[in-house]
PDB file of N, CA and C in Angstrom:
ATOM      1  N   UNK A   1       9.826  78.980  59.411  1.00  0.00           N
ATOM      2  CA  UNK A   1       9.870  79.849  58.296  1.00  0.00           C
ATOM      3  C   UNK A   1       8.370  79.971  57.762  1.00  0.00           C
ATOM      4  N   UNK A   2       7.940  81.205  57.632  1.00  0.00           N
ATOM      5  CA  UNK A   2       6.575  81.436  57.133  1.00  0.00           C
ATOM      6  C   UNK A   2       6.480  81.161  55.680  1.00  0.00           C
ATOM      7  N   UNK A   3       5.311  80.900  55.169  1.00  0.00           N
ATOM      8  CA  UNK A   3       5.095  80.675  53.746  1.00  0.00           C
ATOM      9  C   UNK A   3       5.420  81.927  52.929  1.00  0.00           C
ATOM     10  N   UNK A   4       5.133  83.054  53.492  1.00  0.00           N
ATOM     11  CA  UNK A   4       5.453  84.351  52.833  1.00  0.00           C
ATOM     12  C   UNK A   4       6.955  84.535  52.647  1.00  0.00           C
ATOM     13  N   UNK A   5       7.714  84.250  53.701  1.00  0.00           N
ATOM     14  CA  UNK A   5       9.171  84.347  53.634  1.00  0.00           C
ATOM     15  C   UNK A   5       9.750  83.301  52.681  1.00  0.00           C
ATOM     16  N   UNK A   6       9.251  82.129  52.710  1.00  0.00           N
ATOM     17  CA  UNK A   6       9.671  81.066  51.847  1.00  0.00           C
ATOM     18  C   UNK A   6       9.427  81.448  50.378  1.00  0.00           C
ATOM     19  N   UNK A   7       8.312  81.988  50.025  1.00  0.00           N
ATOM     20  CA  UNK A   7       7.996  82.453  48.669  1.00  0.00           C
ATOM     21  C   UNK A   7       8.976  83.577  48.259  1.00  0.00           C
ATOM     22  N   UNK A   8       9.242  84.546  49.177  1.00  0.00           N
ATOM     23  CA  UNK A   8      10.157  85.617  48.867  1.00  0.00           C
ATOM     24  C   UNK A   8      11.560  85.099  48.652  1.00  0.00           C
ATOM     25  N   UNK A   9      11.991  84.138  49.509  1.00  0.00           N
ATOM     26  CA  UNK A   9      13.317  83.549  49.392  1.00  0.00           C
ATOM     27  C   UNK A   9      13.472  82.850  48.067  1.00  0.00           C
ATOM     28  N   UNK A  10      12.510  82.038  47.677  1.00  0.00           N
ATOM     29  CA  UNK A  10      12.604  81.292  46.428  1.00  0.00           C
ATOM     30  C   UNK A  10      12.603  82.208  45.227  1.00  0.00           C
ATOM     31  N   UNK A  11      11.746  83.248  45.221  1.00  0.00           N
ATOM     32  CA  UNK A  11      11.700  84.184  44.128  1.00  0.00           C
ATOM     33  C   UNK A  11      13.056  84.930  43.955  1.00  0.00           C
ATOM     34  N   UNK A  12      13.626  85.344  45.044  1.00  0.00           N
ATOM     35  CA  UNK A  12      14.875  86.092  44.992  1.00  0.00           C
ATOM     36  C   UNK A  12      16.077  85.211  44.590  1.00  0.00           C
ATOM     37  N   UNK A  13      16.130  83.979  45.078  1.00  0.00           N
ATOM     38  CA  UNK A  13      17.170  83.087  44.657  1.00  0.00           C
ATOM     39  C   UNK A  13      16.987  82.719  43.168  1.00  0.00           C
ATOM     40  N   UNK A  14      15.770  82.564  42.694  1.00  0.00           N
ATOM     41  CA  UNK A  14      15.521  82.325  41.281  1.00  0.00           C
ATOM     42  C   UNK A  14      16.041  83.511  40.425  1.00  0.00           C
ATOM     43  N   UNK A  15      15.777  84.713  40.910  1.00  0.00           N
ATOM     44  CA  UNK A  15      16.267  85.933  40.222  1.00  0.00           C
ATOM     45  C   UNK A  15      17.822  85.874  40.127  1.00  0.00           C
ATOM     46  N   UNK A  16      18.480  85.486  41.185  1.00  0.00           N
ATOM     47  CA  UNK A  16      19.949  85.425  41.133  1.00  0.00           C
ATOM     48  C   UNK A  16      20.384  84.359  40.128  1.00  0.00           C
ATOM     49  N   UNK A  17      19.647  83.248  40.029  1.00  0.00           N
ATOM     50  CA  UNK A  17      19.958  82.239  39.054  1.00  0.00           C
ATOM     51  C   UNK A  17      19.749  82.722  37.618  1.00  0.00           C
ATOM     52  N   UNK A  18      18.870  83.646  37.433  1.00  0.00           N
ATOM     53  CA  UNK A  18      18.620  84.209  36.080  1.00  0.00           C
ATOM     54  C   UNK A  18      19.726  85.174  35.615  1.00  0.00           C
ATOM     55  N   UNK A  19      20.677  85.483  36.472  1.00  0.00           N
ATOM     56  CA  UNK A  19      21.705  86.504  36.148  1.00  0.00           C
ATOM     57  C   UNK A  19      22.967  85.875  35.512  1.00  0.00           C
ATOM     58  N   UNK A  20      22.910  84.623  35.109  1.00  0.00           N
ATOM     59  CA  UNK A  20      24.069  83.930  34.468  1.00  0.00           C
ATOM     60  C   UNK A  20      24.535  84.747  33.240  1.00  0.00           C
ATOM     61  N   UNK A  21      25.836  84.934  33.129  1.00  0.00           N
ATOM     62  CA  UNK A  21      26.391  85.697  32.042  1.00  0.00           C
ATOM     63  C   UNK A  21      26.655  87.136  32.378  1.00  0.00           C
ATOM     64  N   UNK A  22      26.140  87.598  33.512  1.00  0.00           N
ATOM     65  CA  UNK A  22      26.327  88.983  33.923  1.00  0.00           C
ATOM     66  C   UNK A  22      27.424  89.022  35.012  1.00  0.00           C
ATOM     67  N   UNK A  23      27.970  90.221  35.146  1.00  0.00           N
ATOM     68  CA  UNK A  23      29.027  90.460  36.192  1.00  0.00           C
ATOM     69  C   UNK A  23      28.348  90.688  37.518  1.00  0.00           C
ATOM     70  N   UNK A  24      28.850  90.092  38.571  1.00  0.00           N
ATOM     71  CA  UNK A  24      28.396  90.311  39.925  1.00  0.00           C
ATOM     72  C   UNK A  24      29.502  90.818  40.799  1.00  0.00           C
ATOM     73  N   UNK A  25      29.221  91.756  41.659  1.00  0.00           N
ATOM     74  CA  UNK A  25      30.111  92.209  42.705  1.00  0.00           C
ATOM     75  C   UNK A  25      29.575  91.710  44.005  1.00  0.00           C
ATOM     76  N   UNK A  26      30.320  90.970  44.731  1.00  0.00           N
ATOM     77  CA  UNK A  26      29.857  90.387  45.994  1.00  0.00           C
ATOM     78  C   UNK A  26      30.623  91.032  47.145  1.00  0.00           C
ATOM     79  N   UNK A  27      29.882  91.567  48.125  1.00  0.00           N
ATOM     80  CA  UNK A  27      30.525  92.044  49.352  1.00  0.00           C
ATOM     81  C   UNK A  27      29.983  91.142  50.440  1.00  0.00           C
ATOM     82  N   UNK A  28      30.916  90.484  51.086  1.00  0.00           N
ATOM     83  CA  UNK A  28      30.537  89.456  52.129  1.00  0.00           C
ATOM     84  C   UNK A  28      31.082  89.942  53.465  1.00  0.00           C
ATOM     85  N   UNK A  29      30.200  90.126  54.429  1.00  0.00           N
ATOM     86  CA  UNK A  29      30.581  90.629  55.757  1.00  0.00           C
ATOM     87  C   UNK A  29      30.199  89.616  56.835  1.00  0.00           C
ATOM     88  N   UNK A  30      31.124  89.299  57.674  1.00  0.00           N
ATOM     89  CA  UNK A  30      30.829  88.431  58.833  1.00  0.00           C
ATOM     90  C   UNK A  30      31.231  89.194  60.109  1.00  0.00           C
ATOM     91  N   UNK A  31      30.282  89.204  61.053  1.00  0.00           N
ATOM     92  CA  UNK A  31      30.458  89.932  62.283  1.00  0.00           C
ATOM     93  C   UNK A  31      30.353  89.015  63.481  1.00  0.00           C
ATOM     94  N   UNK A  32      31.144  89.322  64.508  1.00  0.00           N
ATOM     95  CA  UNK A  32      31.128  88.569  65.757  1.00  0.00           C
ATOM     96  C   UNK A  32      30.180  89.279  66.756  1.00  0.00           C
ATOM     97  N   UNK A  33      29.609  90.410  66.365  1.00  0.00           N
ATOM     98  CA  UNK A  33      28.665  91.194  67.169  1.00  0.00           C
ATOM     99  C   UNK A  33      27.353  91.203  66.416  1.00  0.00           C
ATOM    100  N   UNK A  34      26.589  90.126  66.516  1.00  0.00           N
ATOM    101  CA  UNK A  34      25.400  89.862  65.709  1.00  0.00           C
ATOM    102  C   UNK A  34      24.593  91.103  65.278  1.00  0.00           C
ATOM    103  N   UNK A  35      24.451  91.234  63.959  1.00  0.00           N
ATOM    104  CA  UNK A  35      23.671  92.328  63.383  1.00  0.00           C
ATOM    105  C   UNK A  35      24.398  93.644  63.280  1.00  0.00           C
ATOM    106  N   UNK A  36      25.565  93.759  63.920  1.00  0.00           N
ATOM    107  CA  UNK A  36      26.320  95.020  63.888  1.00  0.00           C
ATOM    108  C   UNK A  36      27.445  94.878  62.872  1.00  0.00           C
ATOM    109  N   UNK A  37      27.344  95.541  61.693  1.00  0.00           N
ATOM    110  CA  UNK A  37      28.315  95.391  60.663  1.00  0.00           C
ATOM    111  C   UNK A  37      29.311  96.553  60.621  1.00  0.00           C
ATOM    112  N   UNK A  38      29.485  97.207  61.764  1.00  0.00           N
ATOM    113  CA  UNK A  38      30.512  98.238  61.934  1.00  0.00           C
ATOM    114  C   UNK A  38      31.867  97.616  61.594  1.00  0.00           C
ATOM    115  N   UNK A  39      32.748  98.343  60.929  1.00  0.00           N
ATOM    116  CA  UNK A  39      34.039  97.788  60.517  1.00  0.00           C
ATOM    117  C   UNK A  39      34.887  97.278  61.663  1.00  0.00           C
ATOM    118  N   UNK A  40      34.658  97.713  62.859  1.00  0.00           N
ATOM    119  CA  UNK A  40      35.426  97.258  63.997  1.00  0.00           C
ATOM    120  C   UNK A  40      35.103  95.838  64.452  1.00  0.00           C
ATOM    121  N   UNK A  41      33.883  95.373  64.038  1.00  0.00           N
ATOM    122  CA  UNK A  41      33.431  94.034  64.456  1.00  0.00           C
ATOM    123  C   UNK A  41      33.339  93.064  63.300  1.00  0.00           C
ATOM    124  N   UNK A  42      33.711  93.538  62.087  1.00  0.00           N
ATOM    125  CA  UNK A  42      33.396  92.832  60.869  1.00  0.00           C
ATOM    126  C   UNK A  42      34.592  92.467  60.021  1.00  0.00           C
ATOM    127  N   UNK A  43      34.584  91.249  59.511  1.00  0.00           N
ATOM    128  CA  UNK A  43      35.547  90.827  58.481  1.00  0.00           C
ATOM    129  C   UNK A  43      34.830  90.941  57.122  1.00  0.00           C
ATOM    130  N   UNK A  44      35.428  91.668  56.196  1.00  0.00           N
ATOM    131  CA  UNK A  44      34.777  91.903  54.917  1.00  0.00           C
ATOM    132  C   UNK A  44      35.644  91.418  53.754  1.00  0.00           C
ATOM    133  N   UNK A  45      35.034  90.790  52.792  1.00  0.00           N
ATOM    134  CA  UNK A  45      35.720  90.458  51.527  1.00  0.00           C
ATOM    135  C   UNK A  45      34.820  90.926  50.396  1.00  0.00           C
ATOM    136  N   UNK A  46      35.489  91.212  49.259  1.00  0.00           N
ATOM    137  CA  UNK A  46      34.798  91.728  48.124  1.00  0.00           C
ATOM    138  C   UNK A  46      35.463  91.216  46.847  1.00  0.00           C
ATOM    139  N   UNK A  47      34.637  90.808  45.865  1.00  0.00           N
ATOM    140  CA  UNK A  47      35.204  90.385  44.570  1.00  0.00           C
ATOM    141  C   UNK A  47      34.157  90.493  43.488  1.00  0.00           C
ATOM    142  N   UNK A  48      34.645  90.518  42.231  1.00  0.00           N
ATOM    143  CA  UNK A  48      33.824  90.585  41.061  1.00  0.00           C
ATOM    144  C   UNK A  48      34.100  89.427  40.138  1.00  0.00           C
ATOM    145  N   UNK A  49      33.120  88.932  39.430  1.00  0.00           N
ATOM    146  CA  UNK A  49      33.299  87.895  38.420  1.00  0.00           C
ATOM    147  C   UNK A  49      32.060  87.776  37.576  1.00  0.00           C
ATOM    148  N   UNK A  50      32.163  87.171  36.400  1.00  0.00           N
ATOM    149  CA  UNK A  50      31.014  86.847  35.572  1.00  0.00           C
ATOM    150  C   UNK A  50      30.395  85.544  36.062  1.00  0.00           C
ATOM    151  N   UNK A  51      29.096  85.562  36.253  1.00  0.00           N
ATOM    152  CA  UNK A  51      28.393  84.372  36.796  1.00  0.00           C
ATOM    153  C   UNK A  51      28.321  83.310  35.656  1.00  0.00           C
ATOM    154  N   UNK A  52      28.831  82.160  35.955  1.00  0.00           N
ATOM    155  CA  UNK A  52      28.776  81.054  35.040  1.00  0.00           C
ATOM    156  C   UNK A  52      27.715  80.002  35.476  1.00  0.00           C
ATOM    157  N   UNK A  53      27.530  79.896  36.779  1.00  0.00           N
ATOM    158  CA  UNK A  53      26.547  78.938  37.307  1.00  0.00           C
ATOM    159  C   UNK A  53      26.011  79.389  38.667  1.00  0.00           C
ATOM    160  N   UNK A  54      24.713  79.089  38.951  1.00  0.00           N
ATOM    161  CA  UNK A  54      24.142  79.326  40.239  1.00  0.00           C
ATOM    162  C   UNK A  54      23.199  78.172  40.519  1.00  0.00           C
ATOM    163  N   UNK A  55      23.256  77.717  41.724  1.00  0.00           N
ATOM    164  CA  UNK A  55      22.305  76.643  42.138  1.00  0.00           C
ATOM    165  C   UNK A  55      22.193  76.529  43.635  1.00  0.00           C
ATOM    166  N   UNK A  56      21.156  75.854  44.047  1.00  0.00           N
ATOM    167  CA  UNK A  56      20.925  75.593  45.467  1.00  0.00           C
ATOM    168  C   UNK A  56      20.775  74.064  45.633  1.00  0.00           C
ATOM    169  N   UNK A  57      21.606  73.465  46.466  1.00  0.00           N
ATOM    170  CA  UNK A  57      21.552  72.060  46.757  1.00  0.00           C
ATOM    171  C   UNK A  57      20.566  71.823  47.890  1.00  0.00           C
ATOM    172  N   UNK A  58      19.618  70.982  47.686  1.00  0.00           N
ATOM    173  CA  UNK A  58      18.638  70.678  48.723  1.00  0.00           C
ATOM    174  C   UNK A  58      19.286  69.896  49.881  1.00  0.00           C
ATOM    175  N   UNK A  59      20.233  69.053  49.500  1.00  0.00           N
ATOM    176  CA  UNK A  59      21.009  68.322  50.503  1.00  0.00           C
ATOM    177  C   UNK A  59      22.038  69.235  51.077  1.00  0.00           C
ATOM    178  N   UNK A  60      21.884  69.608  52.326  1.00  0.00           N
ATOM    179  CA  UNK A  60      22.831  70.525  52.958  1.00  0.00           C
ATOM    180  C   UNK A  60      22.432  71.996  52.842  1.00  0.00           C
ATOM    181  N   UNK A  61      21.413  72.297  52.058  1.00  0.00           N
ATOM    182  CA  UNK A  61      20.888  73.656  51.902  1.00  0.00           C
ATOM    183  C   UNK A  61      22.005  74.640  51.620  1.00  0.00           C
ATOM    184  N   UNK A  62      22.774  74.431  50.557  1.00  0.00           N
ATOM    185  CA  UNK A  62      23.920  75.295  50.215  1.00  0.00           C
ATOM    186  C   UNK A  62      23.572  75.974  48.885  1.00  0.00           C
ATOM    187  N   UNK A  63      23.683  77.337  48.924  1.00  0.00           N
ATOM    188  CA  UNK A  63      23.619  78.142  47.719  1.00  0.00           C
ATOM    189  C   UNK A  63      25.006  78.284  47.163  1.00  0.00           C
ATOM    190  N   UNK A  64      25.216  78.173  45.820  1.00  0.00           N
ATOM    191  CA  UNK A  64      26.557  78.270  45.252  1.00  0.00           C
ATOM    192  C   UNK A  64      26.480  79.065  43.994  1.00  0.00           C
ATOM    193  N   UNK A  65      27.269  80.137  43.896  1.00  0.00           N
ATOM    194  CA  UNK A  65      27.389  80.942  42.731  1.00  0.00           C
ATOM    195  C   UNK A  65      28.827  80.828  42.252  1.00  0.00           C
ATOM    196  N   UNK A  66      28.983  80.593  40.951  1.00  0.00           N
ATOM    197  CA  UNK A  66      30.319  80.265  40.379  1.00  0.00           C
ATOM    198  C   UNK A  66      30.634  81.174  39.215  1.00  0.00           C
ATOM    199  N   UNK A  67      31.942  81.467  39.106  1.00  0.00           N
ATOM    200  CA  UNK A  67      32.522  82.139  37.955  1.00  0.00           C
ATOM    201  C   UNK A  67      33.750  81.337  37.598  1.00  0.00           C
ATOM    202  N   UNK A  68      34.499  81.806  36.615  1.00  0.00           N
ATOM    203  CA  UNK A  68      35.738  81.084  36.230  1.00  0.00           C
ATOM    204  C   UNK A  68      36.676  81.120  37.420  1.00  0.00           C
ATOM    205  N   UNK A  69      37.060  79.996  37.953  1.00  0.00           N
ATOM    206  CA  UNK A  69      37.949  79.833  39.082  1.00  0.00           C
ATOM    207  C   UNK A  69      37.446  80.459  40.405  1.00  0.00           C
ATOM    208  N   UNK A  70      36.117  80.744  40.501  1.00  0.00           N
ATOM    209  CA  UNK A  70      35.584  81.319  41.722  1.00  0.00           C
ATOM    210  C   UNK A  70      34.316  80.516  42.097  1.00  0.00           C
ATOM    211  N   UNK A  71      34.286  80.089  43.376  1.00  0.00           N
ATOM    212  CA  UNK A  71      33.118  79.341  43.900  1.00  0.00           C
ATOM    213  C   UNK A  71      32.780  79.967  45.228  1.00  0.00           C
ATOM    214  N   UNK A  72      31.563  80.553  45.305  1.00  0.00           N
ATOM    215  CA  UNK A  72      31.097  81.273  46.539  1.00  0.00           C
ATOM    216  C   UNK A  72      29.911  80.510  47.069  1.00  0.00           C
ATOM    217  N   UNK A  73      29.917  80.160  48.374  1.00  0.00           N
ATOM    218  CA  UNK A  73      28.822  79.405  48.939  1.00  0.00           C
ATOM    219  C   UNK A  73      28.256  80.094  50.200  1.00  0.00           C
ATOM    220  N   UNK A  74      26.961  79.765  50.420  1.00  0.00           N
ATOM    221  CA  UNK A  74      26.303  80.235  51.659  1.00  0.00           C
ATOM    222  C   UNK A  74      25.198  79.220  52.015  1.00  0.00           C
ATOM    223  N   UNK A  75      24.903  79.127  53.310  1.00  0.00           N
ATOM    224  CA  UNK A  75      23.890  78.193  53.813  1.00  0.00           C
ATOM    225  C   UNK A  75      22.513  78.849  53.665  1.00  0.00           C
ATOM    226  N   UNK A  76      21.682  78.248  52.849  1.00  0.00           N
ATOM    227  CA  UNK A  76      20.326  78.874  52.616  1.00  0.00           C
ATOM    228  C   UNK A  76      19.396  78.686  53.831  1.00  0.00           C
ATOM    229  N   UNK A  77      19.652  77.667  54.666  1.00  0.00           N
ATOM    230  CA  UNK A  77      18.727  77.473  55.786  1.00  0.00           C
ATOM    231  C   UNK A  77      19.066  78.420  56.959  1.00  0.00           C
ATOM    232  N   UNK A  78      20.126  79.203  56.869  1.00  0.00           N
ATOM    233  CA  UNK A  78      20.461  80.198  57.920  1.00  0.00           C
ATOM    234  C   UNK A  78      19.958  81.592  57.513  1.00  0.00           C
ATOM    235  N   UNK A  79      19.322  81.750  56.369  1.00  0.00           N
ATOM    236  CA  UNK A  79      18.869  83.091  55.915  1.00  0.00           C
ATOM    237  C   UNK A  79      17.710  83.535  56.779  1.00  0.00           C
ATOM    238  N   UNK A  80      17.820  84.740  57.338  1.00  0.00           N
ATOM    239  CA  UNK A  80      16.785  85.334  58.137  1.00  0.00           C
ATOM    240  C   UNK A  80      16.162  86.571  57.438  1.00  0.00           C
ATOM    241  N   UNK A  81      16.873  87.107  56.477  1.00  0.00           N
ATOM    242  CA  UNK A  81      16.418  88.317  55.756  1.00  0.00           C
ATOM    243  C   UNK A  81      16.893  88.281  54.338  1.00  0.00           C
ATOM    244  N   UNK A  82      16.021  88.667  53.398  1.00  0.00           N
ATOM    245  CA  UNK A  82      16.453  88.750  51.992  1.00  0.00           C
ATOM    246  C   UNK A  82      15.657  89.881  51.353  1.00  0.00           C
ATOM    247  N   UNK A  83      16.385  90.806  50.750  1.00  0.00           N
ATOM    248  CA  UNK A  83      15.801  91.977  50.117  1.00  0.00           C
ATOM    249  C   UNK A  83      16.432  92.235  48.790  1.00  0.00           C
ATOM    250  N   UNK A  84      15.601  92.530  47.802  1.00  0.00           N
ATOM    251  CA  UNK A  84      16.052  92.848  46.411  1.00  0.00           C
ATOM    252  C   UNK A  84      15.515  94.182  46.025  1.00  0.00           C
ATOM    253  N   UNK A  85      16.407  94.953  45.452  1.00  0.00           N
ATOM    254  CA  UNK A  85      15.997  96.199  44.807  1.00  0.00           C
ATOM    255  C   UNK A  85      16.766  96.355  43.539  1.00  0.00           C
ATOM    256  N   UNK A  86      16.055  96.569  42.418  1.00  0.00           N
ATOM    257  CA  UNK A  86      16.638  96.679  41.093  1.00  0.00           C
ATOM    258  C   UNK A  86      17.638  95.566  40.836  1.00  0.00           C
ATOM    259  N   UNK A  87      18.935  95.923  40.751  1.00  0.00           N
ATOM    260  CA  UNK A  87      19.971  94.943  40.365  1.00  0.00           C
ATOM    261  C   UNK A  87      20.759  94.457  41.589  1.00  0.00           C
ATOM    262  N   UNK A  88      20.230  94.564  42.761  1.00  0.00           N
ATOM    263  CA  UNK A  88      20.972  94.229  43.990  1.00  0.00           C
ATOM    264  C   UNK A  88      20.159  93.333  44.891  1.00  0.00           C
ATOM    265  N   UNK A  89      20.818  92.313  45.447  1.00  0.00           N
ATOM    266  CA  UNK A  89      20.208  91.357  46.376  1.00  0.00           C
ATOM    267  C   UNK A  89      21.037  91.334  47.630  1.00  0.00           C
ATOM    268  N   UNK A  90      20.369  91.535  48.800  1.00  0.00           N
ATOM    269  CA  UNK A  90      21.079  91.485  50.088  1.00  0.00           C
ATOM    270  C   UNK A  90      20.471  90.367  50.926  1.00  0.00           C
ATOM    271  N   UNK A  91      21.350  89.529  51.460  1.00  0.00           N
ATOM    272  CA  UNK A  91      20.914  88.361  52.265  1.00  0.00           C
ATOM    273  C   UNK A  91      21.619  88.490  53.627  1.00  0.00           C
ATOM    274  N   UNK A  92      20.851  88.238  54.679  1.00  0.00           N
ATOM    275  CA  UNK A  92      21.450  88.184  56.020  1.00  0.00           C
ATOM    276  C   UNK A  92      21.237  86.802  56.613  1.00  0.00           C
ATOM    277  N   UNK A  93      22.278  86.252  57.189  1.00  0.00           N
ATOM    278  CA  UNK A  93      22.259  84.928  57.757  1.00  0.00           C
ATOM    279  C   UNK A  93      22.611  84.962  59.271  1.00  0.00           C
ATOM    280  N   UNK A  94      21.886  84.235  60.086  1.00  0.00           N
ATOM    281  CA  UNK A  94      22.253  84.046  61.483  1.00  0.00           C
ATOM    282  C   UNK A  94      23.051  82.770  61.578  1.00  0.00           C
ATOM    283  N   UNK A  95      24.320  82.912  61.878  1.00  0.00           N
ATOM    284  CA  UNK A  95      25.218  81.721  61.905  1.00  0.00           C
ATOM    285  C   UNK A  95      25.184  81.030  63.301  1.00  0.00           C
ATOM    286  N   UNK A  96      25.164  81.835  64.364  1.00  0.00           N
ATOM    287  CA  UNK A  96      25.019  81.318  65.728  1.00  0.00           C
ATOM    288  C   UNK A  96      24.558  82.457  66.635  1.00  0.00           C
ATOM    289  N   UNK A  97      24.641  82.266  67.943  1.00  0.00           N
ATOM    290  CA  UNK A  97      24.082  83.297  68.847  1.00  0.00           C
ATOM    291  C   UNK A  97      24.807  84.655  68.784  1.00  0.00           C
ATOM    292  N   UNK A  98      26.051  84.624  68.330  1.00  0.00           N
ATOM    293  CA  UNK A  98      26.840  85.880  68.312  1.00  0.00           C
ATOM    294  C   UNK A  98      27.240  86.293  66.902  1.00  0.00           C
ATOM    295  N   UNK A  99      27.128  85.413  65.944  1.00  0.00           N
ATOM    296  CA  UNK A  99      27.708  85.637  64.592  1.00  0.00           C
ATOM    297  C   UNK A  99      26.641  85.755  63.549  1.00  0.00           C
ATOM    298  N   UNK A 100      26.751  86.787  62.713  1.00  0.00           N
ATOM    299  CA  UNK A 100      25.858  86.904  61.552  1.00  0.00           C
ATOM    300  C   UNK A 100      26.654  87.292  60.301  1.00  0.00           C
ATOM    301  N   UNK A 101      26.048  87.082  59.156  1.00  0.00           N
ATOM    302  CA  UNK A 101      26.707  87.306  57.889  1.00  0.00           C
ATOM    303  C   UNK A 101      25.790  88.124  56.958  1.00  0.00           C
ATOM    304  N   UNK A 102      26.326  89.140  56.305  1.00  0.00           N
ATOM    305  CA  UNK A 102      25.538  89.934  55.377  1.00  0.00           C
ATOM    306  C   UNK A 102      26.241  89.819  54.023  1.00  0.00           C
ATOM    307  N   UNK A 103      25.497  89.367  53.015  1.00  0.00           N
ATOM    308  CA  UNK A 103      26.021  89.223  51.687  1.00  0.00           C
ATOM    309  C   UNK A 103      25.226  90.113  50.748  1.00  0.00           C
ATOM    310  N   UNK A 104      25.990  90.969  49.976  1.00  0.00           N
ATOM    311  CA  UNK A 104      25.343  91.819  48.992  1.00  0.00           C
ATOM    312  C   UNK A 104      25.822  91.450  47.616  1.00  0.00           C
ATOM    313  N   UNK A 105      24.870  91.117  46.726  1.00  0.00           N
ATOM    314  CA  UNK A 105      25.169  90.778  45.363  1.00  0.00           C
ATOM    315  C   UNK A 105      24.704  91.951  44.499  1.00  0.00           C
ATOM    316  N   UNK A 106      25.620  92.597  43.796  1.00  0.00           N
ATOM    317  CA  UNK A 106      25.251  93.670  42.871  1.00  0.00           C
ATOM    318  C   UNK A 106      25.573  93.247  41.473  1.00  0.00           C
ATOM    319  N   UNK A 107      24.544  93.130  40.621  1.00  0.00           N
ATOM    320  CA  UNK A 107      24.704  92.612  39.282  1.00  0.00           C
ATOM    321  C   UNK A 107      24.756  93.771  38.267  1.00  0.00           C
ATOM    322  N   UNK A 108      25.676  93.660  37.375  1.00  0.00           N
ATOM    323  CA  UNK A 108      25.846  94.639  36.268  1.00  0.00           C
ATOM    324  C   UNK A 108      25.632  93.976  34.954  1.00  0.00           C
ATOM    325  N   UNK A 109      25.091  94.701  33.995  1.00  0.00           N
ATOM    326  CA  UNK A 109      24.959  94.181  32.641  1.00  0.00           C
ATOM    327  C   UNK A 109      26.369  94.113  31.995  1.00  0.00           C
ATOM    328  N   UNK A 110      26.649  93.172  31.117  1.00  0.00           N
ATOM    329  CA  UNK A 110      27.940  93.115  30.469  1.00  0.00           C
ATOM    330  C   UNK A 110      28.229  94.452  29.755  1.00  0.00           C
ATOM    331  N   UNK A 111      29.470  94.925  29.914  1.00  0.00           N
ATOM    332  CA  UNK A 111      29.909  96.162  29.270  1.00  0.00           C
ATOM    333  C   UNK A 111      29.573  97.399  30.041  1.00  0.00           C
ATOM    334  N   UNK A 112      28.846  97.299  31.180  1.00  0.00           N
ATOM    335  CA  UNK A 112      28.487  98.469  31.948  1.00  0.00           C
ATOM    336  C   UNK A 112      29.591  98.705  32.924  1.00  0.00           C
ATOM    337  N   UNK A 113      30.455  99.714  32.669  1.00  0.00           N
ATOM    338  CA  UNK A 113      31.561 100.005  33.531  1.00  0.00           C
ATOM    339  C   UNK A 113      31.340 101.214  34.434  1.00  0.00           C
ATOM    340  N   UNK A 114      30.179 101.722  34.518  1.00  0.00           N
ATOM    341  CA  UNK A 114      29.873 102.814  35.427  1.00  0.00           C
ATOM    342  C   UNK A 114      29.910 102.317  36.846  1.00  0.00           C
ATOM    343  N   UNK A 115      30.285 103.136  37.785  1.00  0.00           N
ATOM    344  CA  UNK A 115      30.482 102.743  39.178  1.00  0.00           C
ATOM    345  C   UNK A 115      29.148 102.191  39.780  1.00  0.00           C
ATOM    346  N   UNK A 116      28.069 102.830  39.606  1.00  0.00           N
ATOM    347  CA  UNK A 116      26.821 102.422  40.186  1.00  0.00           C
ATOM    348  C   UNK A 116      25.946 101.579  39.272  1.00  0.00           C
ATOM    349  N   UNK A 117      26.409 101.224  38.111  1.00  0.00           N
ATOM    350  CA  UNK A 117      25.620 100.437  37.185  1.00  0.00           C
ATOM    351  C   UNK A 117      24.700 101.317  36.333  1.00  0.00           C
ATOM    352  N   UNK A 118      23.779 100.683  35.666  1.00  0.00           N
ATOM    353  CA  UNK A 118      22.948 101.434  34.680  1.00  0.00           C
ATOM    354  C   UNK A 118      22.093 102.567  35.288  1.00  0.00           C
ATOM    355  N   UNK A 119      21.769 102.489  36.576  1.00  0.00           N
ATOM    356  CA  UNK A 119      20.866 103.526  37.146  1.00  0.00           C
ATOM    357  C   UNK A 119      21.631 104.510  38.017  1.00  0.00           C
ATOM    358  N   UNK A 120      22.932 104.563  37.920  1.00  0.00           N
ATOM    359  CA  UNK A 120      23.692 105.461  38.816  1.00  0.00           C
ATOM    360  C   UNK A 120      23.600 106.944  38.463  1.00  0.00           C
ATOM    361  N   UNK A 121      23.208 107.264  37.238  1.00  0.00           N
ATOM    362  CA  UNK A 121      23.084 108.617  36.862  1.00  0.00           C
ATOM    363  C   UNK A 121      24.394 109.228  36.415  1.00  0.00           C
ATOM    364  N   UNK A 122      25.430 108.449  36.291  1.00  0.00           N
ATOM    365  CA  UNK A 122      26.749 108.926  35.914  1.00  0.00           C
ATOM    366  C   UNK A 122      26.961 108.788  34.439  1.00  0.00           C
TER     367      UNK A 122
END
C-alpha cells in the first residue's frame, strides 16, 4: 500500500465516521467475476439506516458502521480502491482471485427525502 493511498483511505474513512446522526443508504455488491458488477454475476443488497456508530478495529482490520439493530462490516485491509464525491463514498475490495466487493455509501442530511439528496436538482 502506497503512502498516498493510505492517506486517501484514512481521510475517507474519517469522513464516514463524521457522518454519525445522518441517514446512509448502502448498496453492497459481491461478484464472482472479479471487477464485473453486471447483475448476472453479482449478489446485491441494499438498506438504509441512521448512523449511530462507525469505527475501524486495528485488530482484524474490520470497518463497522452501525445503526439501530443494523451492523455492517467490511475488511479494510482488502480495500483496493476508494473514491469520494460530495455525499457518496465508494469502496472496492479484492476478496480473492475471483471475487470482489463494491460498497457504495450515500449519506443524506436528516429530513432530506429527495431521491438524489440535496444536490439532485429535484
